[in-house]
C-alpha atoms as a PDB file:
ATOM      1  CA  MET A   1     -14.126 -14.885  26.139  1.00  0.00           C
ATOM      2  CA  LYS A   2     -13.833 -15.612  29.894  1.00  0.00           C
ATOM      3  CA  GLN A   3     -11.600 -18.314  29.164  1.00  0.00           C
ATOM      4  CA  LEU A   4      -9.019 -15.925  27.264  1.00  0.00           C
ATOM      5  CA  GLU A   5      -9.210 -13.523  30.228  1.00  0.00           C
ATOM      6  CA  ASN A   6      -7.997 -16.246  32.459  1.00  0.00           C
ATOM      7  CA  TYR A   7      -4.614 -16.314  30.375  1.00  0.00           C
ATOM      8  CA  GLY A   8      -4.404 -12.522  30.516  1.00  0.00           C
ATOM      9  CA  VAL A   9      -5.056 -12.301  26.665  1.00  0.00           C
ATOM     10  CA  GLN A  10      -7.908 -10.852  24.779  1.00  0.00           C
ATOM     11  CA  ALA A  11      -9.556 -11.688  21.299  1.00  0.00           C
ATOM     12  CA  LEU A  12      -8.389  -9.823  18.335  1.00  0.00           C
ATOM     13  CA  ASN A  13     -10.619  -7.366  16.368  1.00  0.00           C
ATOM     14  CA  THR A  14     -11.436  -7.731  12.581  1.00  0.00           C
ATOM     15  CA  GLU A  15      -8.635  -5.166  11.457  1.00  0.00           C
ATOM     16  CA  GLU A  16      -5.931  -7.134  13.845  1.00  0.00           C
ATOM     17  CA  LEU A  17      -7.048 -10.469  12.250  1.00  0.00           C
ATOM     18  CA  LYS A  18      -6.698  -8.773   8.803  1.00  0.00           C
ATOM     19  CA  SER A  19      -3.211  -7.596   9.375  1.00  0.00           C
ATOM     20  CA  THR A  20      -1.887 -10.909  10.921  1.00  0.00           C
ATOM     21  CA  GLU A  21      -3.475 -13.386   8.441  1.00  0.00           C
ATOM     22  CA  GLY A  22      -0.750 -12.653   5.785  1.00  0.00           C
ATOM     23  CA  GLY A  23       2.183 -14.133   7.760  1.00  0.00           C
ATOM     24  CA  PHE A  24       5.857 -13.593   6.556  1.00  0.00           C
ATOM     25  CA  TRP A  25       5.597 -15.256   3.319  1.00  0.00           C
ATOM     26  CA  GLN A  26       6.201 -11.973   1.285  1.00  0.00           C
ATOM     27  CA  TYR A  27       9.627 -11.596   3.011  1.00  0.00           C
ATOM     28  CA  VAL A  28      10.596 -15.116   2.013  1.00  0.00           C
ATOM     29  CA  VAL A  29       9.535 -14.579  -1.600  1.00  0.00           C
ATOM     30  CA  ALA A  30      11.423 -11.180  -1.618  1.00  0.00           C
ATOM     31  CA  GLY A  31      14.646 -13.015  -0.044  1.00  0.00           C
ATOM     32  CA  ALA A  32      14.409 -15.745  -2.497  1.00  0.00           C
ATOM     33  CA  LEU A  33      14.183 -13.129  -5.469  1.00  0.00           C
ATOM     34  CA  TYR A  34      17.061 -11.135  -3.961  1.00  0.00           C
ATOM     35  CA  VAL A  35      19.214 -14.341  -3.966  1.00  0.00           C
ATOM     36  CA  MET A  36      18.177 -15.434  -7.307  1.00  0.00           C
ATOM     37  CA  SER A  37      18.993 -11.996  -8.935  1.00  0.00           C
ATOM     38  CA  GLU A  38      22.461 -11.941  -6.894  1.00  0.00           C
ATOM     39  CA  TRP A  39      23.417 -15.678  -7.554  1.00  0.00           C
ATOM     40  CA  ASP A  40      26.434 -15.143  -9.955  1.00  0.00           C
ATOM     41  CA  ASP A  41      28.246 -12.798  -7.285  1.00  0.00           C
ATOM     42  CA  ILE A  42      27.258 -15.244  -4.520  1.00  0.00           C
ATOM     43  CA  SER A  43      28.515 -18.272  -6.125  1.00  0.00           C
ATOM     44  CA  ALA A  44      31.797 -16.596  -7.493  1.00  0.00           C
ATOM     45  CA  GLY A  45      32.349 -15.148  -3.814  1.00  0.00           C
ATOM     46  CA  PHE A  46      31.808 -18.565  -2.333  1.00  0.00           C
ATOM     47  CA  ASN A  47      34.010 -20.487  -4.905  1.00  0.00           C
ATOM     48  CA  ASP A  48      36.726 -17.860  -4.585  1.00  0.00           C
ATOM     49  CA  GLY A  49      36.531 -18.193  -0.775  1.00  0.00           C
ATOM     50  CA  ILE A  50      36.807 -22.006  -0.668  1.00  0.00           C
ATOM     51  CA  ASN A  51      39.649 -21.852  -3.339  1.00  0.00           C
ATOM     52  CA  GLY A  52      41.486 -19.089  -1.186  1.00  0.00           C
ATOM     53  CA  ASN A  53      41.464 -16.580  -4.038  1.00  0.00           C
ATOM     54  CA  ASP A  54      40.533 -13.039  -3.757  1.00  0.00           C
ATOM     55  CA  TYR A  55      37.343 -11.822  -5.235  1.00  0.00           C
ATOM     56  CA  ASP A  56      36.985  -8.212  -6.696  1.00  0.00           C
ATOM     57  CA  TYR A  57      33.736  -6.828  -4.975  1.00  0.00           C
ATOM     58  CA  ASN A  58      33.854  -3.665  -6.939  1.00  0.00           C
ATOM     59  CA  PRO A  59      32.197  -3.991 -10.138  1.00  0.00           C
ATOM     60  CA  CYS A  60      33.496  -0.679 -11.451  1.00  0.00           C
ATOM     61  CA  PRO A  61      36.827  -0.790 -13.220  1.00  0.00           C
END
């Protein structure tokens, strides 16, 4: 513990350890699922942008 104090930090307690063990993988999975669910619009918009076409972003007629 003395070595940590030399660097100006302290050890984590058990609650802090539990909350930091998860990392950010949940956000990566959520982002991947969102991209998968919107892939048709993403690819259509990308292709229209590359080809110089206008893309109708309003799905309602």
